[in-house]
Protein backbone atom coordinates (compact mmCIF):
# COMPACT_ATOMS: atom_id res chain seq x y z
CA MET A 1 -49.25 20.79 38.90
CA PRO A 2 -52.83 19.62 37.60
CA ARG A 3 -54.97 18.91 40.75
CA THR A 4 -55.60 14.94 41.32
CA ILE A 5 -59.26 14.38 41.09
CA ILE A 6 -61.11 10.95 41.62
CA ALA A 7 -64.86 11.14 40.76
CA GLY A 8 -67.48 8.38 41.24
CA ASN A 9 -70.27 8.78 38.63
CA TRP A 10 -73.33 6.84 40.22
CA LYS A 11 -75.39 7.13 36.71
CA MET A 12 -78.92 6.10 37.39
CA TYR A 13 -78.35 4.15 40.78
CA LYS A 14 -79.15 4.54 44.46
CA THR A 15 -82.11 5.89 46.36
CA GLN A 16 -81.55 8.30 49.14
CA ALA A 17 -81.48 5.67 51.61
CA GLU A 18 -78.82 3.66 49.73
CA ALA A 19 -76.70 6.84 49.20
CA VAL A 20 -76.47 7.59 52.92
CA GLU A 21 -75.85 3.85 53.64
CA PHE A 22 -73.02 4.16 51.29
CA LEU A 23 -71.46 7.04 52.78
CA HIS A 24 -71.57 5.38 56.32
CA GLU A 25 -69.11 2.84 55.01
CA PHE A 26 -67.34 4.86 52.46
CA LEU A 27 -66.38 7.99 54.52
CA PRO A 28 -64.48 6.45 57.26
CA SER A 29 -62.24 4.45 54.65
CA LEU A 30 -60.91 7.61 53.14
CA ASP A 31 -57.20 7.80 53.59
CA ILE A 32 -56.53 11.13 51.62
CA THR A 33 -56.31 14.79 52.43
CA PRO A 34 -57.97 17.29 50.05
CA GLU A 35 -54.77 19.03 49.56
CA THR A 36 -53.39 15.85 47.50
CA ARG A 37 -56.46 14.24 46.17
CA GLN A 38 -59.87 15.73 45.56
CA VAL A 39 -62.67 13.15 45.96
CA LEU A 40 -66.14 13.65 44.25
CA LEU A 41 -69.64 11.93 44.02
CA CYS A 42 -71.66 12.74 40.89
CA VAL A 43 -75.07 11.33 41.74
CA PRO A 44 -78.67 11.38 40.34
CA PHE A 45 -80.48 14.76 40.78
CA THR A 46 -82.66 13.10 43.69
CA ASP A 47 -79.64 12.34 45.89
CA LEU A 48 -78.31 15.86 45.64
CA LEU A 49 -79.80 17.41 48.68
CA CYS A 50 -79.54 14.45 50.80
CA LEU A 51 -75.90 13.91 50.07
CA SER A 52 -75.14 17.75 50.47
CA LYS A 53 -76.39 17.44 53.80
CA ASN A 54 -74.46 14.34 54.81
CA LEU A 55 -71.17 15.47 53.11
CA HIS A 56 -70.91 18.87 54.83
CA GLY A 57 -67.74 19.05 56.67
CA SER A 58 -66.16 16.04 55.08
CA ARG A 59 -63.45 15.58 52.53
CA VAL A 60 -65.81 14.87 49.55
CA GLN A 61 -67.08 17.06 47.13
CA LEU A 62 -70.64 16.94 45.35
CA GLY A 63 -71.24 16.70 41.59
CA ALA A 64 -74.31 16.56 39.45
CA GLN A 65 -74.53 14.83 36.20
CA ASN A 66 -75.83 17.33 33.89
CA VAL A 67 -76.96 20.96 33.80
CA HIS A 68 -79.11 22.97 31.25
CA TRP A 69 -77.80 25.95 29.50
CA GLN A 70 -80.59 28.17 30.70
CA ASP A 71 -81.06 29.48 34.42
CA GLN A 72 -85.04 28.57 34.17
CA GLY A 73 -87.64 28.00 31.63
CA ALA A 74 -90.01 25.60 29.79
CA PHE A 75 -87.56 22.67 29.76
CA THR A 76 -89.26 19.63 31.20
CA GLY A 77 -86.93 17.21 33.01
CA GLU A 78 -83.87 19.52 32.87
CA ILE A 79 -82.22 21.18 36.11
CA SER A 80 -80.54 24.59 36.12
CA ALA A 81 -77.24 25.82 37.47
CA PRO A 82 -78.84 27.85 39.86
CA MET A 83 -80.77 24.94 41.24
CA LEU A 84 -77.48 23.03 41.76
CA THR A 85 -75.38 25.55 43.60
CA GLU A 86 -78.11 26.50 45.77
CA ILE A 87 -77.89 23.00 47.40
CA GLY A 88 -74.04 22.95 47.34
CA VAL A 89 -73.19 21.19 44.31
CA ARG A 90 -69.72 22.05 43.14
CA TYR A 91 -68.98 20.06 40.07
CA VAL A 92 -71.06 18.86 36.88
CA VAL A 93 -70.20 16.11 34.49
CA ILE A 94 -71.17 17.37 31.07
CA GLY A 95 -71.05 15.53 27.74
CA HIS A 96 -70.67 12.20 29.18
CA SER A 97 -71.02 9.54 26.05
CA GLU A 98 -74.36 8.25 27.39
CA ARG A 99 -75.70 11.71 27.14
CA ARG A 100 -74.38 11.88 23.64
CA GLN A 101 -75.37 8.42 22.71
CA TYR A 102 -78.82 8.18 24.32
CA PHE A 103 -79.90 11.57 24.58
CA GLY A 104 -78.72 13.53 21.46
CA GLU A 105 -76.06 15.66 23.18
CA THR A 106 -74.18 17.61 20.60
CA ASP A 107 -70.62 19.32 20.95
CA THR A 108 -72.66 22.60 20.53
CA THR A 109 -75.08 21.58 23.47
CA VAL A 110 -72.17 20.56 25.45
CA ASN A 111 -70.49 24.00 24.89
CA GLN A 112 -73.58 25.87 26.13
CA ARG A 113 -73.88 23.63 29.13
CA LEU A 114 -70.15 24.27 30.00
CA LYS A 115 -70.94 27.92 29.67
CA ALA A 116 -73.83 27.97 31.89
CA ALA A 117 -71.89 25.89 34.54
CA GLN A 118 -69.12 28.20 34.58
CA ALA A 119 -71.41 31.39 34.74
CA HIS A 120 -72.58 30.16 37.87
CA GLY A 121 -69.15 29.03 39.69
CA LEU A 122 -69.70 25.23 38.77
CA THR A 123 -66.81 23.39 37.69
CA PRO A 124 -67.44 21.29 34.69
CA ILE A 125 -66.15 17.87 33.89
CA LEU A 126 -66.29 17.71 29.93
CA CYS A 127 -66.10 14.34 28.76
CA VAL A 128 -64.60 13.39 25.27
CA GLY A 129 -63.71 10.09 23.88
CA GLU A 130 -64.00 7.99 20.58
CA SER A 131 -66.11 4.68 19.91
CA LYS A 132 -64.80 1.45 18.81
CA ALA A 133 -65.49 2.15 15.25
CA GLN A 134 -63.84 5.48 15.39
CA ARG A 135 -60.67 3.93 17.06
CA ASP A 136 -60.60 1.05 14.63
CA ALA A 137 -60.82 3.58 11.64
CA GLY A 138 -58.04 5.51 12.97
CA GLU A 139 -59.87 8.47 13.90
CA THR A 140 -59.37 8.98 17.72
CA GLU A 141 -57.06 11.88 17.44
CA THR A 142 -59.34 13.83 14.92
CA HIS A 143 -62.41 13.14 16.63
CA ILE A 144 -61.25 14.24 20.17
CA MET A 145 -59.65 17.18 18.47
CA SER A 146 -63.30 18.28 16.91
CA GLN A 147 -64.96 17.77 20.32
CA LEU A 148 -62.47 20.00 22.05
CA GLU A 149 -62.54 22.47 19.32
CA ILE A 150 -66.48 22.99 19.42
CA GLY A 151 -66.82 22.38 23.23
CA LEU A 152 -64.28 24.54 24.49
CA GLN A 153 -65.14 27.87 22.63
CA GLY A 154 -65.41 30.41 25.15
CA ILE A 155 -64.74 28.36 27.90
CA ASP A 156 -62.74 29.29 30.94
CA GLN A 157 -59.63 26.68 31.09
CA THR A 158 -58.82 27.67 34.57
CA ASN A 159 -62.10 26.18 35.96
CA LEU A 160 -62.36 23.04 34.00
CA VAL A 161 -61.84 19.26 34.28
CA ILE A 162 -61.55 17.04 31.32
CA ALA A 163 -62.32 13.30 31.28
CA TYR A 164 -61.08 11.04 28.38
CA GLU A 165 -63.39 8.12 28.07
CA PRO A 166 -62.99 5.72 25.32
CA ILE A 167 -66.53 4.66 24.72
CA TRP A 168 -65.71 1.26 23.89
CA ALA A 169 -64.25 0.84 27.49
CA ILE A 170 -67.06 2.02 29.46
CA GLY A 171 -68.83 -0.52 31.29
CA THR A 172 -67.21 -3.43 29.15
CA GLY A 173 -64.51 -4.71 31.48
CA ASP A 174 -62.03 -3.76 28.56
CA THR A 175 -59.77 -0.83 29.68
CA CYS A 176 -57.49 1.35 27.42
CA ALA A 177 -53.83 0.41 28.00
CA ASP A 178 -52.27 2.65 30.51
CA THR A 179 -49.73 4.01 28.11
CA GLU A 180 -52.38 4.48 25.19
CA ALA A 181 -54.65 6.64 27.58
CA ASN A 182 -51.54 8.45 28.80
CA ARG A 183 -50.86 9.00 24.93
CA VAL A 184 -54.25 10.44 24.28
CA ILE A 185 -54.40 12.42 27.25
CA SER A 186 -51.06 14.07 26.37
CA MET A 187 -52.54 14.78 22.96
CA ILE A 188 -55.53 16.50 24.54
CA ARG A 189 -53.52 18.39 26.81
CA SER A 190 -51.49 19.96 23.67
CA GLN A 191 -54.72 21.25 22.61
CA LEU A 192 -55.22 23.32 25.59
CA THR A 193 -54.34 26.85 26.41
CA ASN A 194 -53.93 26.10 30.15
CA PRO A 195 -51.50 22.92 30.75
CA GLU A 196 -52.81 22.69 34.31
CA VAL A 197 -56.08 21.31 33.65
CA THR A 198 -57.04 18.15 35.46
CA ILE A 199 -57.42 15.34 32.85
CA GLN A 200 -59.08 12.14 34.02
CA TYR A 201 -59.21 8.68 32.64
CA GLY A 202 -62.47 6.91 32.57
CA GLY A 203 -63.54 3.68 31.38
CA SER A 204 -63.71 0.30 33.31
CA VAL A 205 -61.50 1.54 36.07
CA ASN A 206 -61.43 -0.79 38.94
CA PRO A 207 -59.47 -1.54 42.06
CA GLN A 208 -57.11 -3.89 40.18
CA ASN A 209 -56.14 -1.15 37.57
CA ILE A 210 -56.19 2.21 39.36
CA ASP A 211 -52.46 2.04 40.56
CA GLN A 212 -51.22 1.54 37.16
CA ILE A 213 -53.51 4.09 35.38
CA MET A 214 -52.45 6.90 38.11
CA ALA A 215 -48.71 5.91 37.56
CA GLN A 216 -48.95 7.47 34.09
CA PRO A 217 -47.46 11.00 34.05
CA GLU A 218 -50.39 12.65 32.07
CA ILE A 219 -53.31 10.99 33.87
CA ASN A 220 -54.32 13.32 36.80
CA GLY A 221 -57.48 11.56 37.92
CA ALA A 222 -60.20 9.04 37.19
CA LEU A 223 -64.07 9.11 36.33
CA VAL A 224 -65.36 5.93 37.87
CA GLY A 225 -68.45 4.22 36.98
CA GLY A 226 -69.49 1.03 38.17
CA ALA A 227 -66.79 0.73 40.81
CA SER A 228 -67.86 3.62 42.57
CA LEU A 229 -71.29 2.09 43.56
CA GLN A 230 -69.54 -0.08 46.14
CA ALA A 231 -68.01 1.87 49.25
CA SER A 232 -65.22 -0.73 49.62
CA SER A 233 -64.02 -0.74 45.98
CA PHE A 234 -64.43 3.03 45.36
CA ALA A 235 -62.43 3.40 48.74
CA ARG A 236 -59.56 1.37 47.31
CA ILE A 237 -59.72 3.39 44.21
CA VAL A 238 -59.39 6.85 46.14
CA ASN A 239 -56.88 5.32 48.18
CA TYR A 240 -54.66 4.03 45.24
CA GLU A 241 -51.02 3.71 45.92
CA GLY A 242 -48.73 6.30 44.46
CA ALA A 243 -48.43 10.05 44.69
């Protein structure tokens, strides 16, 4: 069975003081065990060391939001896998639609980042998904299959999480229908060599829809954006009702 993983993606929000304040409210609200549900916080680089110290011994793992494909070098503004693992980071989001849309990320550079993450023992969360124009044109499947074909070349699928994030549903309040998300995630799984890969859904996940999303048989977790910024709402999502 794929492991259930709920990840909060804070994007470019929260100072260190705000992050610690969040933890003080969030951690006592957890009503899960790591054996049944893994919880991650994927936070800005400036928050990583602070959270690493404050999450030590807790039920929550730490994730970063990107990683470079080189261990070191003249890459201003980037961060390497050894820098992340040194401070206790376990997961890293790679290929998020915002990185692709605003910062020129390609399937090829996504693949390079995935390889670097795995080479240093990080578990990458590979994000794939279609835009509204691609969905309206009936290109959802072909676009995602292309992302997977290029992105997963040479990747160890025993140390991998995939997040399906329909771009048109991110931060818009529009959520992909539960059954449609389940269908696309089933298609993604059919393209993998390891059927046990955890595949999350991401796209306006909130406390009101998490139970229905997680009731779908192919969905193994959620990549949560805005709703992960409030301790009470993210706790409700993490403590969703269901197996």
